[in-house]
C-alpha atoms as a PDB file:
ATOM      1  CA  UNK A   1      13.473  14.132 -28.376  1.00  0.00           C
ATOM      2  CA  UNK A   2      10.635  12.829 -30.446  1.00  0.00           C
ATOM      3  CA  UNK A   3       7.040  12.709 -29.176  1.00  0.00           C
ATOM      4  CA  UNK A   4       7.186   8.892 -28.958  1.00  0.00           C
ATOM      5  CA  UNK A   5      10.225   9.118 -26.643  1.00  0.00           C
ATOM      6  CA  UNK A   6       8.407  11.540 -24.362  1.00  0.00           C
ATOM      7  CA  UNK A   7       5.374   9.264 -24.180  1.00  0.00           C
ATOM      8  CA  UNK A   8       7.569   6.240 -23.344  1.00  0.00           C
ATOM      9  CA  UNK A   9       9.372   8.096 -20.559  1.00  0.00           C
ATOM     10  CA  UNK A  10       6.088   9.299 -19.073  1.00  0.00           C
ATOM     11  CA  UNK A  11       4.630   5.783 -19.187  1.00  0.00           C
ATOM     12  CA  UNK A  12       7.748   4.373 -17.529  1.00  0.00           C
ATOM     13  CA  UNK A  13       7.539   6.927 -14.724  1.00  0.00           C
ATOM     14  CA  UNK A  14       3.833   6.200 -14.189  1.00  0.00           C
ATOM     15  CA  UNK A  15       4.433   2.449 -14.078  1.00  0.00           C
ATOM     16  CA  UNK A  16       7.324   2.895 -11.657  1.00  0.00           C
ATOM     17  CA  UNK A  17       5.119   4.860  -9.250  1.00  0.00           C
ATOM     18  CA  UNK A  18       2.350   2.259  -9.101  1.00  0.00           C
ATOM     19  CA  UNK A  19       4.242  -0.574  -7.332  1.00  0.00           C
ATOM     20  CA  UNK A  20       5.142   1.825  -4.538  1.00  0.00           C
ATOM     21  CA  UNK A  21       1.503   2.821  -4.160  1.00  0.00           C
ATOM     22  CA  UNK A  22       0.394  -0.807  -4.039  1.00  0.00           C
ATOM     23  CA  UNK A  23       3.136  -1.591  -1.537  1.00  0.00           C
ATOM     24  CA  UNK A  24       2.040   1.272   0.689  1.00  0.00           C
ATOM     25  CA  UNK A  25      -1.597   0.176   0.467  1.00  0.00           C
ATOM     26  CA  UNK A  26      -0.674  -3.405   1.366  1.00  0.00           C
ATOM     27  CA  UNK A  27       1.409  -2.237   4.320  1.00  0.00           C
ATOM     28  CA  UNK A  28      -1.400   0.022   5.531  1.00  0.00           C
ATOM     29  CA  UNK A  29      -3.953  -2.791   5.291  1.00  0.00           C
ATOM     30  CA  UNK A  30      -1.621  -5.139   7.143  1.00  0.00           C
ATOM     31  CA  UNK A  31      -1.032  -2.584   9.878  1.00  0.00           C
ATOM     32  CA  UNK A  32      -4.737  -1.831  10.310  1.00  0.00           C
ATOM     33  CA  UNK A  33      -5.599  -5.537  10.287  1.00  0.00           C
ATOM     34  CA  UNK A  34      -3.048  -6.406  12.931  1.00  0.00           C
ATOM     35  CA  UNK A  35      -4.115  -3.416  15.049  1.00  0.00           C
ATOM     36  CA  UNK A  36      -7.751  -4.514  14.880  1.00  0.00           C
ATOM     37  CA  UNK A  37      -6.830  -8.112  15.751  1.00  0.00           C
ATOM     38  CA  UNK A  38      -4.732  -6.972  18.702  1.00  0.00           C
ATOM     39  CA  UNK A  39      -7.572  -4.776  19.944  1.00  0.00           C
ATOM     40  CA  UNK A  40     -10.031  -7.672  19.760  1.00  0.00           C
ATOM     41  CA  UNK A  41      -7.658  -9.950  21.672  1.00  0.00           C
ATOM     42  CA  UNK A  42      -7.101  -7.321  24.372  1.00  0.00           C
ATOM     43  CA  UNK A  43     -10.853  -6.751  24.754  1.00  0.00           C
ATOM     44  CA  UNK A  44     -11.478 -10.500  25.025  1.00  0.00           C
ATOM     45  CA  UNK A  45      -8.706 -10.902  27.601  1.00  0.00           C
ATOM     46  CA  UNK A  46      -9.980  -7.993  29.688  1.00  0.00           C
ATOM     47  CA  UNK A  47     -13.496  -9.502  29.660  1.00  0.00           C
ATOM     48  CA  UNK A  48     -12.249 -12.697  31.369  1.00  0.00           C
END
């Protein structure tokens, strides 16, 4: 293996890991947002 091949493989692995991280972050934000919205709705309904 030449040094350029090693660098390419490392870059490919790094790039492949990033979409998963972004996907996890998006899912976490969606979950927290929906949990907060549900909590607000429940508080408003209990105040009636």
